[in-house]
């Protein structure tokens, strides 16, 4: 799950760089705005994956530390 978060983050970074390139070359505004919107969605999804992965890891750690030997 963390690997997926890293891939999504990398895609969002590349898209942000491409958006700056589009703006610098005076291409149509709708293209830059669409790329910016997709980049924002990717960053949001990345945050969701990171939160989910950290929650799963925290639950596993809690379960491992709270086991009682009978």
N, C-alpha and C. Protein backbone atom coordinates (compact mmCIF):
# COMPACT_ATOMS: atom_id res chain seq x y z
N UNK A 1 0.82 -1.19 0.00
CA UNK A 1 0.00 0.00 0.00
C UNK A 1 0.87 1.26 0.00
N UNK A 2 1.98 1.22 0.74
CA UNK A 2 2.87 2.37 0.73
C UNK A 2 3.53 2.55 -0.64
N UNK A 3 3.78 1.44 -1.33
CA UNK A 3 4.35 1.54 -2.67
C UNK A 3 3.39 2.26 -3.61
N UNK A 4 2.11 1.97 -3.48
CA UNK A 4 1.10 2.65 -4.29
C UNK A 4 1.05 4.14 -3.98
N UNK A 5 1.18 4.48 -2.70
CA UNK A 5 1.20 5.89 -2.31
C UNK A 5 2.41 6.60 -2.92
N UNK A 6 3.55 5.92 -2.97
CA UNK A 6 4.74 6.53 -3.56
C UNK A 6 4.56 6.73 -5.06
N UNK A 7 3.95 5.76 -5.73
CA UNK A 7 3.70 5.88 -7.17
C UNK A 7 2.74 7.03 -7.45
N UNK A 8 1.68 7.14 -6.68
CA UNK A 8 0.71 8.23 -6.88
C UNK A 8 1.38 9.59 -6.62
N UNK A 9 2.21 9.66 -5.58
CA UNK A 9 2.91 10.90 -5.28
C UNK A 9 3.85 11.28 -6.42
N UNK A 10 4.57 10.31 -6.96
CA UNK A 10 5.47 10.58 -8.08
C UNK A 10 4.70 11.07 -9.30
N UNK A 11 3.55 10.45 -9.56
CA UNK A 11 2.72 10.88 -10.70
C UNK A 11 2.23 12.31 -10.50
N UNK A 12 1.86 12.65 -9.28
CA UNK A 12 1.38 14.01 -9.00
C UNK A 12 2.51 15.02 -9.16
N UNK A 13 3.72 14.65 -8.75
CA UNK A 13 4.86 15.56 -8.91
C UNK A 13 5.17 15.77 -10.38
N UNK A 14 5.17 14.70 -11.16
CA UNK A 14 5.43 14.82 -12.60
C UNK A 14 4.35 15.66 -13.26
N UNK A 15 3.10 15.47 -12.87
CA UNK A 15 2.01 16.25 -13.44
C UNK A 15 2.14 17.73 -13.07
N UNK A 16 2.57 18.02 -11.86
CA UNK A 16 2.79 19.42 -11.46
C UNK A 16 3.90 20.04 -12.29
N UNK A 17 4.96 19.29 -12.54
CA UNK A 17 6.04 19.80 -13.37
C UNK A 17 5.56 20.05 -14.80
N UNK A 18 4.76 19.12 -15.33
CA UNK A 18 4.22 19.28 -16.68
C UNK A 18 3.27 20.48 -16.76
N UNK A 19 2.52 20.72 -15.70
CA UNK A 19 1.62 21.88 -15.66
C UNK A 19 2.42 23.17 -15.74
N UNK A 20 3.53 23.25 -15.02
CA UNK A 20 4.39 24.44 -15.10
C UNK A 20 4.96 24.60 -16.50
N UNK A 21 5.31 23.49 -17.14
CA UNK A 21 5.85 23.54 -18.49
C UNK A 21 4.79 24.06 -19.46
N UNK A 22 3.54 23.58 -19.30
CA UNK A 22 2.45 24.04 -20.16
C UNK A 22 2.22 25.53 -19.98
N UNK A 23 2.25 26.01 -18.73
CA UNK A 23 2.04 27.43 -18.48
C UNK A 23 3.18 28.27 -19.05
N UNK A 24 4.40 27.77 -19.00
CA UNK A 24 5.55 28.51 -19.50
C UNK A 24 5.54 28.62 -21.02
N UNK A 25 4.94 27.66 -21.70
CA UNK A 25 4.91 27.66 -23.16
C UNK A 25 3.62 28.24 -23.73
N UNK A 26 2.84 28.89 -22.90
CA UNK A 26 1.60 29.57 -23.31
C UNK A 26 0.67 28.67 -24.13
N UNK A 27 0.49 27.47 -23.67
CA UNK A 27 -0.48 26.57 -24.27
C UNK A 27 -1.87 26.92 -23.73
N UNK A 28 -2.93 26.35 -24.26
CA UNK A 28 -4.28 26.73 -23.83
C UNK A 28 -4.48 26.63 -22.31
N UNK A 29 -5.20 27.58 -21.77
CA UNK A 29 -5.41 27.66 -20.33
C UNK A 29 -6.19 26.45 -19.82
N UNK A 30 -7.16 25.98 -20.60
CA UNK A 30 -7.97 24.83 -20.14
C UNK A 30 -7.09 23.59 -19.94
N UNK A 31 -6.02 23.47 -20.71
CA UNK A 31 -5.11 22.34 -20.55
C UNK A 31 -4.38 22.42 -19.21
N UNK A 32 -3.88 23.61 -18.89
CA UNK A 32 -3.17 23.79 -17.62
C UNK A 32 -4.13 23.63 -16.44
N UNK A 33 -5.35 24.15 -16.56
CA UNK A 33 -6.32 24.02 -15.47
C UNK A 33 -6.73 22.57 -15.26
N UNK A 34 -6.92 21.82 -16.33
CA UNK A 34 -7.27 20.41 -16.22
C UNK A 34 -6.15 19.60 -15.57
N UNK A 35 -4.92 19.88 -15.97
CA UNK A 35 -3.79 19.18 -15.38
C UNK A 35 -3.65 19.54 -13.91
N UNK A 36 -3.91 20.79 -13.57
CA UNK A 36 -3.84 21.21 -12.17
C UNK A 36 -4.90 20.50 -11.35
N UNK A 37 -6.11 20.38 -11.88
CA UNK A 37 -7.19 19.70 -11.18
C UNK A 37 -6.87 18.22 -10.97
N UNK A 38 -6.36 17.56 -12.00
CA UNK A 38 -5.98 16.15 -11.86
C UNK A 38 -4.87 16.00 -10.84
N UNK A 39 -3.90 16.92 -10.84
CA UNK A 39 -2.83 16.88 -9.86
C UNK A 39 -3.34 17.02 -8.44
N UNK A 40 -4.32 17.89 -8.23
CA UNK A 40 -4.89 18.06 -6.90
C UNK A 40 -5.60 16.78 -6.45
N UNK A 41 -6.31 16.14 -7.36
CA UNK A 41 -6.98 14.88 -7.03
C UNK A 41 -5.95 13.81 -6.67
N UNK A 42 -4.85 13.75 -7.42
CA UNK A 42 -3.80 12.78 -7.13
C UNK A 42 -3.17 13.02 -5.76
N UNK A 43 -2.92 14.27 -5.41
CA UNK A 43 -2.36 14.57 -4.09
C UNK A 43 -3.35 14.18 -2.98
N UNK A 44 -4.64 14.41 -3.21
CA UNK A 44 -5.65 14.01 -2.23
C UNK A 44 -5.68 12.49 -2.07
N UNK A 45 -5.66 11.77 -3.19
CA UNK A 45 -5.64 10.30 -3.12
C UNK A 45 -4.39 9.80 -2.41
N UNK A 46 -3.27 10.44 -2.67
CA UNK A 46 -2.03 10.05 -2.01
C UNK A 46 -2.17 10.22 -0.50
N UNK A 47 -2.76 11.31 -0.07
CA UNK A 47 -2.97 11.51 1.36
C UNK A 47 -3.87 10.44 1.95
N UNK A 48 -4.91 10.05 1.22
CA UNK A 48 -5.80 8.99 1.70
C UNK A 48 -5.07 7.67 1.84
N UNK A 49 -4.23 7.33 0.86
CA UNK A 49 -3.48 6.08 0.93
C UNK A 49 -2.47 6.11 2.08
N UNK A 50 -1.82 7.24 2.29
CA UNK A 50 -0.85 7.33 3.39
C UNK A 50 -1.56 7.19 4.74
N UNK A 51 -2.71 7.84 4.89
CA UNK A 51 -3.46 7.73 6.14
C UNK A 51 -3.93 6.29 6.36
N UNK A 52 -4.43 5.65 5.32
CA UNK A 52 -4.89 4.27 5.45
C UNK A 52 -3.74 3.33 5.80
N UNK A 53 -2.61 3.51 5.14
CA UNK A 53 -1.46 2.63 5.41
C UNK A 53 -0.94 2.84 6.83
N UNK A 54 -0.86 4.08 7.26
CA UNK A 54 -0.36 4.32 8.62
C UNK A 54 -1.35 3.81 9.67
N UNK A 55 -2.64 3.88 9.39
CA UNK A 55 -3.63 3.34 10.32
C UNK A 55 -3.51 1.82 10.43
N UNK A 56 -3.32 1.17 9.30
CA UNK A 56 -3.16 -0.29 9.31
C UNK A 56 -1.91 -0.67 10.09
N UNK A 57 -0.81 0.03 9.83
CA UNK A 57 0.43 -0.27 10.54
C UNK A 57 0.30 0.00 12.04
N UNK A 58 -0.39 1.07 12.41
CA UNK A 58 -0.59 1.38 13.83
C UNK A 58 -1.45 0.31 14.50
N UNK A 59 -2.48 -0.17 13.80
CA UNK A 59 -3.33 -1.22 14.37
C UNK A 59 -2.55 -2.51 14.55
N UNK A 60 -1.71 -2.85 13.58
CA UNK A 60 -0.89 -4.06 13.70
C UNK A 60 0.10 -3.94 14.86
N UNK A 61 0.71 -2.76 15.00
CA UNK A 61 1.66 -2.55 16.10
C UNK A 61 0.96 -2.63 17.44
N UNK A 62 -0.23 -2.02 17.55
CA UNK A 62 -0.99 -2.08 18.80
C UNK A 62 -1.37 -3.52 19.14
N UNK A 63 -1.82 -4.26 18.13
CA UNK A 63 -2.21 -5.66 18.36
C UNK A 63 -1.00 -6.49 18.79
N UNK A 64 0.16 -6.20 18.17
CA UNK A 64 1.36 -6.95 18.52
C UNK A 64 1.84 -6.61 19.94
N UNK A 65 1.74 -5.36 20.32
CA UNK A 65 2.21 -4.95 21.64
C UNK A 65 1.23 -5.29 22.76
N UNK A 66 -0.04 -5.45 22.43
CA UNK A 66 -1.03 -5.69 23.47
C UNK A 66 -1.33 -7.18 23.68
N UNK A 67 -0.64 -8.05 22.97
CA UNK A 67 -0.86 -9.48 23.17
C UNK A 67 -0.35 -9.88 24.56
N UNK A 68 -1.16 -10.68 25.20
CA UNK A 68 -0.76 -11.17 26.53
C UNK A 68 -0.40 -12.64 26.43
N UNK A 69 0.68 -13.02 27.05
CA UNK A 69 1.08 -14.43 27.07
C UNK A 69 0.26 -15.14 28.15
N UNK A 70 -0.40 -16.19 27.74
CA UNK A 70 -1.23 -16.94 28.68
C UNK A 70 -0.49 -18.12 29.25
